[in-house]
Amino acid sequence: MFKQAIFIATFLFVGSQASFAQIFPNLGGQRVGISALTFLKNTLSPRSVGMAGADVTLTGDGYCFNTNPALVSELKGTTIGLNNLTFANSINHTSLNIAFPLSTASRLTINMNNLSSGAMEKRTEFQPNGTGEYFYVGQTVAGVGYAQQLSDMFSFGGQVKVVHESLAEYRTTTLGVDMGFLYRTDYKHLRFAAAVQHFGGNSSLNGSEKPVTYTRNSAITIDEFSAPTLFKMGASIRAIDRPDYYLTTAVQLNHPNDNAENIRLGAEFVFRNKFSLRTGYKINVNGEKWPTGGIGIIFADAKFPFTLDYGFFPSDYLGMYHSVGFYFSLGKKDETPRTIGTVEMN
């Protein structure tokens, strides 16, 4: 069984590399750079980071608010998740997620995340070392959502969010919507899902500050651009399932409105519901040609079960991305088997 899984994975990897090299760069590469609010594209889940973003079908955890809102329906009790993504040495993108049970099958969610650049010194042609003045870049999202499990096999979820961006004296605020669906089967935990993220109106920065122009034209215009809307669909299955361990493999197709289509491949190995090891690979993502990785430590026997996660991926342009997070549930322990994230507990 293990040899068969290795053979299938190798075949799919080689085949997909060849097909993408021939087809996909021509289908969306011309759209690069046409969207605003690009910070929305950051992966705010250490589990997803470790699996190269193949996250649309992952079991519900404390970060799934940012991947597929339908997965929130799988959470038990009040669940709180916190994570931080660090890249380019000092930029931090932090997210706080809370889910409240409304009934056995429905959840209300609150999601907040913020990216801050820290202080940056203003520079001009004649003062390249700085003018002594500083400016800041900040982006904030606040959202409210709902998730419902309609049956043992089907769930859906959605979220409405307010997106605010500031760049020095310029500001913009807009609305966005996330929607997702999940279908489960009883064959080897096979799951199918689709989600749309960051769907909303156009955005344009507005402000009164006049830039230092010197020899440049003083008349400036700021155009409107759409949010980086992403449609993704995927499937996952337990390729290996043993009493002490199991291996979940996932494949996902991403269709962004501002770049070329790409595929994400991910795998997660869980040992005795206490430790998880993750890896993944991105196909046709410019500047991210290296495998990703991550780990998770699961404290399933605690009074309030919680999980610690770490994920990383290297980038040619912004260096190494590091994502660290944890989440826990305030719900009482059930007598029947249930799932919290990747953990099946009694």
C-alpha atoms as a PDB file:
ATOM      1  CA  MET A   1       0.000   0.000   0.000  1.00  0.00           C
ATOM      2  CA  PHE A   2       2.769   2.407   0.938  1.00  0.00           C
ATOM      3  CA  LYS A   3       4.699   1.687  -2.271  1.00  0.00           C
ATOM      4  CA  GLN A   4       1.546   2.241  -4.299  1.00  0.00           C
ATOM      5  CA  ALA A   5       0.981   5.616  -2.617  1.00  0.00           C
ATOM      6  CA  ILE A   6       4.571   6.684  -3.369  1.00  0.00           C
ATOM      7  CA  PHE A   7       4.230   5.616  -7.016  1.00  0.00           C
ATOM      8  CA  ILE A   8       0.932   7.478  -7.487  1.00  0.00           C
ATOM      9  CA  ALA A   9       2.267  10.639  -5.855  1.00  0.00           C
ATOM     10  CA  THR A  10       5.412  10.589  -8.023  1.00  0.00           C
ATOM     11  CA  PHE A  11       3.383  10.020 -11.187  1.00  0.00           C
ATOM     12  CA  LEU A  12       0.995  12.877 -10.414  1.00  0.00           C
ATOM     13  CA  PHE A  13       3.861  15.226  -9.541  1.00  0.00           C
ATOM     14  CA  VAL A  14       5.821  14.579 -12.731  1.00  0.00           C
ATOM     15  CA  GLY A  15       2.726  14.670 -14.916  1.00  0.00           C
ATOM     16  CA  SER A  16       1.398  17.855 -13.412  1.00  0.00           C
ATOM     17  CA  GLN A  17       4.767  19.598 -13.761  1.00  0.00           C
ATOM     18  CA  ALA A  18       4.878  18.791 -17.462  1.00  0.00           C
ATOM     19  CA  SER A  19       1.285  19.808 -18.159  1.00  0.00           C
ATOM     20  CA  PHE A  20       1.526  23.077 -16.240  1.00  0.00           C
ATOM     21  CA  ALA A  21       4.713  24.035 -18.024  1.00  0.00           C
ATOM     22  CA  GLN A  22       2.840  23.690 -21.337  1.00  0.00           C
ATOM     23  CA  ILE A  23      -0.577  25.140 -20.508  1.00  0.00           C
ATOM     24  CA  PHE A  24      -1.156  27.155 -17.350  1.00  0.00           C
ATOM     25  CA  PRO A  25       1.369  30.024 -17.723  1.00  0.00           C
ATOM     26  CA  ASN A  26      -0.554  31.142 -20.834  1.00  0.00           C
ATOM     27  CA  LEU A  27      -3.941  31.218 -19.110  1.00  0.00           C
ATOM     28  CA  GLY A  28      -3.420  33.858 -16.438  1.00  0.00           C
ATOM     29  CA  GLY A  29       0.092  35.278 -16.346  1.00  0.00           C
ATOM     30  CA  GLN A  30      -1.040  38.416 -18.154  1.00  0.00           C
ATOM     31  CA  ARG A  31      -3.252  39.284 -15.151  1.00  0.00           C
ATOM     32  CA  VAL A  32      -0.335  39.841 -12.758  1.00  0.00           C
ATOM     33  CA  GLY A  33      -0.564  43.062 -10.739  1.00  0.00           C
ATOM     34  CA  ILE A  34      -4.164  44.019 -11.529  1.00  0.00           C
ATOM     35  CA  SER A  35      -5.534  43.748  -7.960  1.00  0.00           C
ATOM     36  CA  ALA A  36      -5.279  45.856  -4.811  1.00  0.00           C
ATOM     37  CA  LEU A  37      -5.228  44.743  -1.143  1.00  0.00           C
ATOM     38  CA  THR A  38      -2.712  42.020  -1.949  1.00  0.00           C
ATOM     39  CA  PHE A  39      -2.118  41.334   1.758  1.00  0.00           C
ATOM     40  CA  LEU A  40      -5.373  39.348   1.635  1.00  0.00           C
ATOM     41  CA  LYS A  41      -3.488  36.655  -0.265  1.00  0.00           C
ATOM     42  CA  ASN A  42      -1.302  35.807   2.741  1.00  0.00           C
ATOM     43  CA  THR A  43      -1.899  32.312   4.129  1.00  0.00           C
ATOM     44  CA  LEU A  44      -3.104  32.776   7.717  1.00  0.00           C
ATOM     45  CA  SER A  45      -2.859  29.148   8.834  1.00  0.00           C
ATOM     46  CA  PRO A  46       0.383  27.418   9.880  1.00  0.00           C
ATOM     47  CA  ARG A  47      -1.190  24.111   8.914  1.00  0.00           C
ATOM     48  CA  SER A  48      -1.944  25.413   5.430  1.00  0.00           C
ATOM     49  CA  VAL A  49       1.532  26.983   5.140  1.00  0.00           C
ATOM     50  CA  GLY A  50       3.121  23.595   5.869  1.00  0.00           C
ATOM     51  CA  MET A  51       0.962  21.921   3.206  1.00  0.00           C
ATOM     52  CA  ALA A  52       1.683  24.494   0.471  1.00  0.00           C
ATOM     53  CA  GLY A  53      -1.788  26.015   0.720  1.00  0.00           C
ATOM     54  CA  ALA A  54      -3.718  22.800  -0.053  1.00  0.00           C
ATOM     55  CA  ASP A  55      -6.238  23.761   2.612  1.00  0.00           C
ATOM     56  CA  VAL A  56      -9.762  23.854   1.162  1.00  0.00           C
ATOM     57  CA  THR A  57     -10.623  20.295   2.339  1.00  0.00           C
ATOM     58  CA  LEU A  58      -8.660  20.107   5.599  1.00  0.00           C
ATOM     59  CA  THR A  59     -10.640  19.115   8.689  1.00  0.00           C
ATOM     60  CA  GLY A  60     -11.913  22.046  10.734  1.00  0.00           C
ATOM     61  CA  ASP A  61      -9.365  23.738  12.993  1.00  0.00           C
ATOM     62  CA  GLY A  62      -8.763  27.091  14.644  1.00  0.00           C
ATOM     63  CA  TYR A  63      -7.452  28.625  11.406  1.00  0.00           C
ATOM     64  CA  CYS A  64     -10.026  27.446   8.871  1.00  0.00           C
ATOM     65  CA  PHE A  65     -11.854  30.805   9.112  1.00  0.00           C
ATOM     66  CA  ASN A  66      -9.176  32.004   6.667  1.00  0.00           C
ATOM     67  CA  THR A  67      -9.208  28.998   4.320  1.00  0.00           C
ATOM     68  CA  ASN A  68     -12.763  27.679   3.857  1.00  0.00           C
ATOM     69  CA  PRO A  69     -15.603  28.964   6.085  1.00  0.00           C
ATOM     70  CA  ALA A  70     -17.540  25.702   5.603  1.00  0.00           C
ATOM     71  CA  LEU A  71     -14.908  23.872   7.686  1.00  0.00           C
ATOM     72  CA  VAL A  72     -15.934  25.873  10.769  1.00  0.00           C
ATOM     73  CA  SER A  73     -19.047  23.673  11.010  1.00  0.00           C
ATOM     74  CA  GLU A  74     -16.793  20.806  12.169  1.00  0.00           C
ATOM     75  CA  LEU A  75     -15.585  22.611  15.291  1.00  0.00           C
ATOM     76  CA  LYS A  76     -16.899  21.589  18.718  1.00  0.00           C
ATOM     77  CA  GLY A  77     -17.675  24.072  21.468  1.00  0.00           C
ATOM     78  CA  THR A  78     -16.286  27.601  21.514  1.00  0.00           C
ATOM     79  CA  THR A  79     -13.003  27.522  19.579  1.00  0.00           C
ATOM     80  CA  ILE A  80     -10.333  30.221  19.724  1.00  0.00           C
ATOM     81  CA  GLY A  81      -7.367  30.350  17.360  1.00  0.00           C
ATOM     82  CA  LEU A  82      -4.423  32.738  17.149  1.00  0.00           C
ATOM     83  CA  ASN A  83      -1.578  32.739  14.663  1.00  0.00           C
ATOM     84  CA  ASN A  84       1.172  35.003  13.350  1.00  0.00           C
ATOM     85  CA  LEU A  85       2.840  35.027   9.931  1.00  0.00           C
ATOM     86  CA  THR A  86       6.299  36.621   9.708  1.00  0.00           C
ATOM     87  CA  PHE A  87       8.125  37.402   6.456  1.00  0.00           C
ATOM     88  CA  ALA A  88      10.632  39.852   4.980  1.00  0.00           C
ATOM     89  CA  ASN A  89      12.447  39.767   8.357  1.00  0.00           C
ATOM     90  CA  SER A  90      10.092  42.089  10.229  1.00  0.00           C
ATOM     91  CA  ILE A  91       6.589  42.166   8.697  1.00  0.00           C
ATOM     92  CA  ASN A  92       3.976  40.448  10.880  1.00  0.00           C
ATOM     93  CA  HIS A  93       0.461  39.404   9.889  1.00  0.00           C
ATOM     94  CA  THR A  94      -1.561  38.317  12.939  1.00  0.00           C
ATOM     95  CA  SER A  95      -4.989  36.684  13.013  1.00  0.00           C
ATOM     96  CA  LEU A  96      -7.525  36.019  15.805  1.00  0.00           C
ATOM     97  CA  ASN A  97     -10.432  33.651  15.142  1.00  0.00           C
ATOM     98  CA  ILE A  98     -13.374  32.765  17.396  1.00  0.00           C
ATOM     99  CA  ALA A  99     -16.268  30.361  16.717  1.00  0.00           C
ATOM    100  CA  PHE A 100     -19.385  30.139  18.896  1.00  0.00           C
ATOM    101  CA  PRO A 101     -21.856  27.225  18.659  1.00  0.00           C
ATOM    102  CA  LEU A 102     -25.409  28.358  17.904  1.00  0.00           C
ATOM    103  CA  SER A 103     -26.705  24.783  17.773  1.00  0.00           C
ATOM    104  CA  THR A 104     -25.357  21.296  17.277  1.00  0.00           C
ATOM    105  CA  ALA A 105     -24.815  21.948  13.566  1.00  0.00           C
ATOM    106  CA  SER A 106     -24.302  25.725  13.236  1.00  0.00           C
ATOM    107  CA  ARG A 107     -21.555  28.155  14.229  1.00  0.00           C
ATOM    108  CA  LEU A 108     -21.178  31.925  14.439  1.00  0.00           C
ATOM    109  CA  THR A 109     -17.677  33.204  13.693  1.00  0.00           C
ATOM    110  CA  ILE A 110     -15.667  36.339  14.364  1.00  0.00           C
ATOM    111  CA  ASN A 111     -12.428  36.814  12.461  1.00  0.00           C
ATOM    112  CA  MET A 112      -9.884  39.627  12.772  1.00  0.00           C
ATOM    113  CA  ASN A 113      -6.426  40.018  11.256  1.00  0.00           C
ATOM    114  CA  ASN A 114      -3.905  42.820  10.985  1.00  0.00           C
ATOM    115  CA  LEU A 115      -0.704  43.421   9.049  1.00  0.00           C
ATOM    116  CA  SER A 116       1.679  46.178  10.126  1.00  0.00           C
ATOM    117  CA  SER A 117       4.923  47.208   8.482  1.00  0.00           C
ATOM    118  CA  GLY A 118       6.310  49.171  11.430  1.00  0.00           C
ATOM    119  CA  ALA A 119       7.900  52.589  10.983  1.00  0.00           C
ATOM    120  CA  MET A 120       9.541  53.309   7.614  1.00  0.00           C
ATOM    121  CA  GLU A 121      11.585  56.445   6.954  1.00  0.00           C
ATOM    122  CA  LYS A 122      10.645  58.722   4.067  1.00  0.00           C
ATOM    123  CA  ARG A 123      13.268  59.095   1.329  1.00  0.00           C
ATOM    124  CA  THR A 124      13.650  61.403  -1.652  1.00  0.00           C
ATOM    125  CA  GLU A 125      16.041  61.785  -4.579  1.00  0.00           C
ATOM    126  CA  PHE A 126      18.089  64.358  -2.629  1.00  0.00           C
ATOM    127  CA  GLN A 127      17.776  62.613   0.755  1.00  0.00           C
ATOM    128  CA  PRO A 128      18.228  58.922  -0.064  1.00  0.00           C
ATOM    129  CA  ASN A 129      19.258  58.140   3.513  1.00  0.00           C
ATOM    130  CA  GLY A 130      16.015  59.482   4.918  1.00  0.00           C
ATOM    131  CA  THR A 131      14.317  62.794   5.677  1.00  0.00           C
ATOM    132  CA  GLY A 132      13.814  62.162   9.386  1.00  0.00           C
ATOM    133  CA  GLU A 133      10.077  61.674   8.881  1.00  0.00           C
ATOM    134  CA  TYR A 134       8.376  58.292   9.120  1.00  0.00           C
ATOM    135  CA  PHE A 135       5.298  56.677   7.637  1.00  0.00           C
ATOM    136  CA  TYR A 136       3.400  53.458   8.278  1.00  0.00           C
ATOM    137  CA  VAL A 137       1.577  50.842   6.246  1.00  0.00           C
ATOM    138  CA  GLY A 138      -1.246  48.952   7.920  1.00  0.00           C
ATOM    139  CA  GLN A 139      -4.015  46.613   6.810  1.00  0.00           C
ATOM    140  CA  THR A 140      -6.874  45.346   8.949  1.00  0.00           C
ATOM    141  CA  VAL A 141      -9.747  42.932   8.363  1.00  0.00           C
ATOM    142  CA  ALA A 142     -12.759  42.309  10.618  1.00  0.00           C
ATOM    143  CA  GLY A 143     -15.354  39.721   9.638  1.00  0.00           C
ATOM    144  CA  VAL A 144     -18.475  37.975  10.888  1.00  0.00           C
ATOM    145  CA  GLY A 145     -19.544  34.621   9.485  1.00  0.00           C
ATOM    146  CA  TYR A 146     -21.856  31.652   9.747  1.00  0.00           C
ATOM    147  CA  ALA A 147     -21.308  27.946   9.097  1.00  0.00           C
ATOM    148  CA  GLN A 148     -23.906  25.174   8.951  1.00  0.00           C
ATOM    149  CA  GLN A 149     -23.606  21.399   8.718  1.00  0.00           C
ATOM    150  CA  LEU A 150     -26.686  20.356   6.733  1.00  0.00           C
ATOM    151  CA  SER A 151     -26.010  16.617   6.934  1.00  0.00           C
ATOM    152  CA  ASP A 152     -23.273  14.150   7.778  1.00  0.00           C
ATOM    153  CA  MET A 153     -21.890  14.750   4.305  1.00  0.00           C
ATOM    154  CA  PHE A 154     -22.505  18.397   3.404  1.00  0.00           C
ATOM    155  CA  SER A 155     -21.559  21.741   5.012  1.00  0.00           C
ATOM    156  CA  PHE A 156     -21.475  25.338   3.872  1.00  0.00           C
ATOM    157  CA  GLY A 157     -20.239  28.606   5.340  1.00  0.00           C
ATOM    158  CA  GLY A 158     -19.840  32.286   4.569  1.00  0.00           C
ATOM    159  CA  GLN A 159     -18.282  35.421   5.930  1.00  0.00           C
ATOM    160  CA  VAL A 160     -18.695  39.173   5.379  1.00  0.00           C
ATOM    161  CA  LYS A 161     -15.674  41.315   6.222  1.00  0.00           C
ATOM    162  CA  VAL A 162     -14.607  44.930   6.312  1.00  0.00           C
ATOM    163  CA  VAL A 163     -11.159  45.560   4.823  1.00  0.00           C
ATOM    164  CA  HIS A 164      -9.225  48.723   5.711  1.00  0.00           C
ATOM    165  CA  GLU A 165      -5.838  49.739   4.316  1.00  0.00           C
ATOM    166  CA  SER A 166      -3.646  52.723   5.164  1.00  0.00           C
ATOM    167  CA  LEU A 167      -0.504  53.863   3.354  1.00  0.00           C
ATOM    168  CA  ALA A 168       1.021  56.980   4.907  1.00  0.00           C
ATOM    169  CA  GLU A 169      -1.823  59.535   4.678  1.00  0.00           C
ATOM    170  CA  TYR A 170      -3.854  57.533   2.196  1.00  0.00           C
ATOM    171  CA  ARG A 171      -6.818  55.344   3.247  1.00  0.00           C
ATOM    172  CA  THR A 172      -9.321  52.944   1.742  1.00  0.00           C
ATOM    173  CA  THR A 173     -12.138  50.808   3.155  1.00  0.00           C
ATOM    174  CA  THR A 174     -14.157  48.183   1.326  1.00  0.00           C
ATOM    175  CA  LEU A 175     -16.288  45.085   1.887  1.00  0.00           C
ATOM    176  CA  GLY A 176     -15.443  41.495   0.993  1.00  0.00           C
ATOM    177  CA  VAL A 177     -17.190  38.121   1.073  1.00  0.00           C
ATOM    178  CA  ASP A 178     -15.924  34.562   1.576  1.00  0.00           C
ATOM    179  CA  MET A 179     -18.019  31.474   0.767  1.00  0.00           C
ATOM    180  CA  GLY A 180     -17.240  27.771   0.937  1.00  0.00           C
ATOM    181  CA  PHE A 181     -18.727  24.301   0.579  1.00  0.00           C
ATOM    182  CA  LEU A 182     -17.598  20.885   1.809  1.00  0.00           C
ATOM    183  CA  TYR A 183     -18.715  17.379   0.824  1.00  0.00           C
ATOM    184  CA  ARG A 184     -17.594  14.325   2.810  1.00  0.00           C
ATOM    185  CA  THR A 185     -17.737  10.673   1.787  1.00  0.00           C
ATOM    186  CA  ASP A 186     -17.445   7.464   3.772  1.00  0.00           C
ATOM    187  CA  TYR A 187     -14.603   6.141   1.598  1.00  0.00           C
ATOM    188  CA  LYS A 188     -11.212   6.633   3.251  1.00  0.00           C
ATOM    189  CA  HIS A 189     -12.188  10.101   4.507  1.00  0.00           C
ATOM    190  CA  LEU A 190     -12.416  11.320   0.914  1.00  0.00           C
ATOM    191  CA  ARG A 191     -13.517  14.974   0.890  1.00  0.00           C
ATOM    192  CA  PHE A 192     -14.307  17.507  -1.829  1.00  0.00           C
ATOM    193  CA  ALA A 193     -14.578  21.265  -1.339  1.00  0.00           C
ATOM    194  CA  ALA A 194     -14.725  24.603  -3.127  1.00  0.00           C
ATOM    195  CA  ALA A 195     -14.403  28.152  -1.847  1.00  0.00           C
ATOM    196  CA  VAL A 196     -14.380  31.756  -3.059  1.00  0.00           C
ATOM    197  CA  GLN A 197     -12.356  34.259  -1.047  1.00  0.00           C
ATOM    198  CA  HIS A 198     -12.102  38.075  -1.039  1.00  0.00           C
ATOM    199  CA  PHE A 199     -14.954  38.692  -3.458  1.00  0.00           C
ATOM    200  CA  GLY A 200     -15.869  42.362  -3.337  1.00  0.00           C
ATOM    201  CA  GLY A 201     -15.938  45.750  -5.015  1.00  0.00           C
ATOM    202  CA  ASN A 202     -13.092  47.844  -6.338  1.00  0.00           C
ATOM    203  CA  SER A 203     -10.767  49.703  -3.993  1.00  0.00           C
ATOM    204  CA  SER A 204      -8.898  52.997  -4.351  1.00  0.00           C
ATOM    205  CA  LEU A 205      -6.631  54.824  -1.897  1.00  0.00           C
ATOM    206  CA  ASN A 206      -7.724  58.347  -1.011  1.00  0.00           C
ATOM    207  CA  GLY A 207      -5.752  61.080   0.740  1.00  0.00           C
ATOM    208  CA  SER A 208      -4.723  64.730   0.673  1.00  0.00           C
ATOM    209  CA  GLU A 209      -0.964  64.483   1.139  1.00  0.00           C
ATOM    210  CA  LYS A 210       1.029  65.869  -1.794  1.00  0.00           C
ATOM    211  CA  PRO A 211       4.062  63.798  -2.787  1.00  0.00           C
ATOM    212  CA  VAL A 212       7.485  65.395  -3.326  1.00  0.00           C
ATOM    213  CA  THR A 213       7.751  65.508  -7.113  1.00  0.00           C
ATOM    214  CA  TYR A 214      10.847  67.527  -8.025  1.00  0.00           C
ATOM    215  CA  THR A 215      11.231  66.875 -11.767  1.00  0.00           C
ATOM    216  CA  ARG A 216       8.214  64.595 -11.994  1.00  0.00           C
ATOM    217  CA  ASN A 217       4.711  65.571 -13.033  1.00  0.00           C
ATOM    218  CA  SER A 218       2.860  66.807  -9.948  1.00  0.00           C
ATOM    219  CA  ALA A 219      -0.496  65.577 -11.230  1.00  0.00           C
ATOM    220  CA  ILE A 220      -1.135  62.083  -9.885  1.00  0.00           C
ATOM    221  CA  THR A 221      -4.120  59.819 -10.283  1.00  0.00           C
ATOM    222  CA  ILE A 222      -5.026  56.775  -8.218  1.00  0.00           C
ATOM    223  CA  ASP A 223      -7.006  54.167 -10.102  1.00  0.00           C
ATOM    224  CA  GLU A 224      -9.455  51.675  -8.665  1.00  0.00           C
ATOM    225  CA  PHE A 225      -8.543  48.004  -8.567  1.00  0.00           C
ATOM    226  CA  SER A 226     -10.426  44.892  -7.549  1.00  0.00           C
ATOM    227  CA  ALA A 227      -9.625  42.766  -4.511  1.00  0.00           C
ATOM    228  CA  PRO A 228      -7.540  39.614  -5.125  1.00  0.00           C
ATOM    229  CA  THR A 229     -10.502  37.258  -5.547  1.00  0.00           C
ATOM    230  CA  LEU A 230      -9.548  33.589  -5.380  1.00  0.00           C
ATOM    231  CA  PHE A 231     -11.570  30.547  -6.432  1.00  0.00           C
ATOM    232  CA  LYS A 232     -10.204  27.222  -5.260  1.00  0.00           C
ATOM    233  CA  MET A 233     -11.387  23.635  -5.315  1.00  0.00           C
ATOM    234  CA  GLY A 234      -9.754  20.445  -4.160  1.00  0.00           C
ATOM    235  CA  ALA A 235      -9.931  16.949  -2.754  1.00  0.00           C
ATOM    236  CA  SER A 236      -8.208  15.021   0.019  1.00  0.00           C
ATOM    237  CA  ILE A 237      -8.051  11.388   1.067  1.00  0.00           C
ATOM    238  CA  ARG A 238      -6.357   9.239   3.683  1.00  0.00           C
ATOM    239  CA  ALA A 239      -3.921   7.341   1.512  1.00  0.00           C
ATOM    240  CA  ILE A 240      -2.758   5.353   4.547  1.00  0.00           C
ATOM    241  CA  ASP A 241      -4.938   4.664   7.593  1.00  0.00           C
ATOM    242  CA  ARG A 242      -3.595   2.590  10.485  1.00  0.00           C
ATOM    243  CA  PRO A 243      -4.591   2.409  14.171  1.00  0.00           C
ATOM    244  CA  ASP A 244      -1.509   4.382  15.300  1.00  0.00           C
ATOM    245  CA  TYR A 245      -1.021   6.686  12.340  1.00  0.00           C
ATOM    246  CA  TYR A 246      -2.525   7.948   9.103  1.00  0.00           C
ATOM    247  CA  LEU A 247      -1.433   9.932   6.058  1.00  0.00           C
ATOM    248  CA  THR A 248      -3.727  12.484   4.418  1.00  0.00           C
ATOM    249  CA  THR A 249      -2.911  13.701   0.911  1.00  0.00           C
ATOM    250  CA  ALA A 250      -4.537  16.749  -0.699  1.00  0.00           C
ATOM    251  CA  VAL A 251      -4.588  18.369  -4.132  1.00  0.00           C
ATOM    252  CA  GLN A 252      -6.039  21.792  -4.909  1.00  0.00           C
ATOM    253  CA  LEU A 253      -6.523  23.988  -7.969  1.00  0.00           C
ATOM    254  CA  ASN A 254      -6.330  27.769  -7.417  1.00  0.00           C
ATOM    255  CA  HIS A 255      -7.798  30.258  -9.883  1.00  0.00           C
ATOM    256  CA  PRO A 256      -6.865  33.836  -8.838  1.00  0.00           C
ATOM    257  CA  ASN A 257      -8.170  36.894 -10.669  1.00  0.00           C
ATOM    258  CA  ASP A 258      -4.711  38.508 -10.702  1.00  0.00           C
ATOM    259  CA  ASN A 259      -2.313  35.735 -11.624  1.00  0.00           C
ATOM    260  CA  ALA A 260      -1.911  32.384 -13.351  1.00  0.00           C
ATOM    261  CA  GLU A 261      -3.742  29.260 -12.254  1.00  0.00           C
ATOM    262  CA  ASN A 262      -1.717  26.997  -9.992  1.00  0.00           C
ATOM    263  CA  ILE A 263      -1.883  23.680  -8.186  1.00  0.00           C
ATOM    264  CA  ARG A 264      -1.084  22.925  -4.550  1.00  0.00           C
ATOM    265  CA  LEU A 265      -0.068  19.459  -3.345  1.00  0.00           C
ATOM    266  CA  GLY A 266      -0.006  18.699   0.378  1.00  0.00           C
ATOM    267  CA  ALA A 267       0.449  15.795   2.783  1.00  0.00           C
ATOM    268  CA  GLU A 268      -0.049  15.439   6.534  1.00  0.00           C
ATOM    269  CA  PHE A 269       1.184  12.508   8.617  1.00  0.00           C
ATOM    270  CA  VAL A 270      -0.423  12.162  12.068  1.00  0.00           C
ATOM    271  CA  PHE A 271       1.062   9.798  14.669  1.00  0.00           C
ATOM    272  CA  ARG A 272      -1.101   8.595  17.569  1.00  0.00           C
ATOM    273  CA  ASN A 273      -3.151  11.795  17.444  1.00  0.00           C
ATOM    274  CA  LYS A 274      -0.316  13.578  19.234  1.00  0.00           C
ATOM    275  CA  PHE A 275       2.119  14.693  16.547  1.00  0.00           C
ATOM    276  CA  SER A 276       1.731  15.723  12.918  1.00  0.00           C
ATOM    277  CA  LEU A 277       4.298  16.286  10.179  1.00  0.00           C
ATOM    278  CA  ARG A 278       3.385  18.236   7.026  1.00  0.00           C
ATOM    279  CA  THR A 279       4.860  19.010   3.653  1.00  0.00           C
ATOM    280  CA  GLY A 280       3.713  20.326   0.299  1.00  0.00           C
ATOM    281  CA  TYR A 281       4.651  21.724  -3.068  1.00  0.00           C
ATOM    282  CA  LYS A 282       3.342  24.583  -5.244  1.00  0.00           C
ATOM    283  CA  ILE A 283       3.180  24.200  -9.011  1.00  0.00           C
ATOM    284  CA  ASN A 284       3.253  27.277 -11.248  1.00  0.00           C
ATOM    285  CA  VAL A 285       3.708  29.811  -8.423  1.00  0.00           C
ATOM    286  CA  ASN A 286       6.382  32.304  -9.444  1.00  0.00           C
ATOM    287  CA  GLY A 287       9.170  32.700  -6.868  1.00  0.00           C
ATOM    288  CA  GLU A 288       8.046  29.769  -4.705  1.00  0.00           C
ATOM    289  CA  LYS A 289       9.678  26.715  -6.224  1.00  0.00           C
ATOM    290  CA  TRP A 290      10.795  25.005  -3.016  1.00  0.00           C
ATOM    291  CA  PRO A 291       8.848  22.481  -0.887  1.00  0.00           C
ATOM    292  CA  THR A 292       7.051  23.660   2.248  1.00  0.00           C
ATOM    293  CA  GLY A 293       7.006  22.036   5.670  1.00  0.00           C
ATOM    294  CA  GLY A 294       5.524  22.148   9.141  1.00  0.00           C
ATOM    295  CA  ILE A 295       4.726  20.316  12.356  1.00  0.00           C
ATOM    296  CA  GLY A 296       1.904  20.168  14.878  1.00  0.00           C
ATOM    297  CA  ILE A 297       1.771  19.040  18.503  1.00  0.00           C
ATOM    298  CA  ILE A 298      -1.639  17.898  19.700  1.00  0.00           C
ATOM    299  CA  PHE A 299      -2.619  17.974  23.383  1.00  0.00           C
ATOM    300  CA  ALA A 300      -5.775  15.908  23.090  1.00  0.00           C
ATOM    301  CA  ASP A 301      -5.940  14.786  26.723  1.00  0.00           C
ATOM    302  CA  ALA A 302      -5.954  18.265  28.254  1.00  0.00           C
ATOM    303  CA  LYS A 303      -9.070  19.603  29.957  1.00  0.00           C
ATOM    304  CA  PHE A 304      -9.403  22.023  27.056  1.00  0.00           C
ATOM    305  CA  PRO A 305      -7.760  20.245  24.078  1.00  0.00           C
ATOM    306  CA  PHE A 306      -5.347  22.487  22.186  1.00  0.00           C
ATOM    307  CA  THR A 307      -2.889  22.282  19.316  1.00  0.00           C
ATOM    308  CA  LEU A 308       0.387  24.071  18.568  1.00  0.00           C
ATOM    309  CA  ASP A 309       1.390  24.461  14.908  1.00  0.00           C
ATOM    310  CA  TYR A 310       4.323  25.743  12.901  1.00  0.00           C
ATOM    311  CA  GLY A 311       4.751  26.051   9.148  1.00  0.00           C
ATOM    312  CA  PHE A 312       7.310  27.544   6.776  1.00  0.00           C
ATOM    313  CA  PHE A 313       7.953  28.105   3.094  1.00  0.00           C
ATOM    314  CA  PRO A 314      10.855  29.807   1.273  1.00  0.00           C
ATOM    315  CA  SER A 315      10.297  32.628  -1.211  1.00  0.00           C
ATOM    316  CA  ASP A 316      12.756  34.029  -3.749  1.00  0.00           C
ATOM    317  CA  TYR A 317      11.586  37.622  -3.154  1.00  0.00           C
ATOM    318  CA  LEU A 318      10.668  37.984   0.534  1.00  0.00           C
ATOM    319  CA  GLY A 319      12.821  35.309   2.120  1.00  0.00           C
ATOM    320  CA  MET A 320      11.518  32.646   4.488  1.00  0.00           C
ATOM    321  CA  TYR A 321       7.911  32.780   5.675  1.00  0.00           C
ATOM    322  CA  HIS A 322       7.288  31.514   9.215  1.00  0.00           C
ATOM    323  CA  SER A 323       3.820  30.850  10.613  1.00  0.00           C
ATOM    324  CA  VAL A 324       3.180  29.957  14.273  1.00  0.00           C
ATOM    325  CA  GLY A 325      -0.215  29.395  15.857  1.00  0.00           C
ATOM    326  CA  PHE A 326      -2.313  27.629  18.443  1.00  0.00           C
ATOM    327  CA  TYR A 327      -5.987  26.973  19.008  1.00  0.00           C
ATOM    328  CA  PHE A 328      -8.127  25.410  21.717  1.00  0.00           C
ATOM    329  CA  SER A 329     -11.715  24.527  22.444  1.00  0.00           C
ATOM    330  CA  LEU A 330     -13.751  25.487  25.497  1.00  0.00           C
ATOM    331  CA  GLY A 331     -16.339  22.813  24.803  1.00  0.00           C
ATOM    332  CA  LYS A 332     -16.824  19.935  27.207  1.00  0.00           C
ATOM    333  CA  LYS A 333     -15.364  16.608  26.251  1.00  0.00           C
ATOM    334  CA  ASP A 334     -17.938  14.396  24.526  1.00  0.00           C
ATOM    335  CA  GLU A 335     -18.434  10.732  25.312  1.00  0.00           C
ATOM    336  CA  THR A 336     -18.769   9.925  21.607  1.00  0.00           C
ATOM    337  CA  PRO A 337     -15.883  10.200  19.152  1.00  0.00           C
ATOM    338  CA  ARG A 338     -15.485  13.652  17.638  1.00  0.00           C
ATOM    339  CA  THR A 339     -12.979  15.656  15.663  1.00  0.00           C
ATOM    340  CA  ILE A 340     -11.051  18.760  16.690  1.00  0.00           C
ATOM    341  CA  GLY A 341      -8.854  19.780  13.811  1.00  0.00           C
ATOM    342  CA  THR A 342      -6.845  16.733  12.833  1.00  0.00           C
ATOM    343  CA  VAL A 343      -7.608  14.971  16.126  1.00  0.00           C
ATOM    344  CA  GLU A 344     -10.178  12.245  16.627  1.00  0.00           C
ATOM    345  CA  MET A 345     -10.812  11.858  20.342  1.00  0.00           C
ATOM    346  CA  ASN A 346     -13.099  10.019  22.704  1.00  0.00           C
END
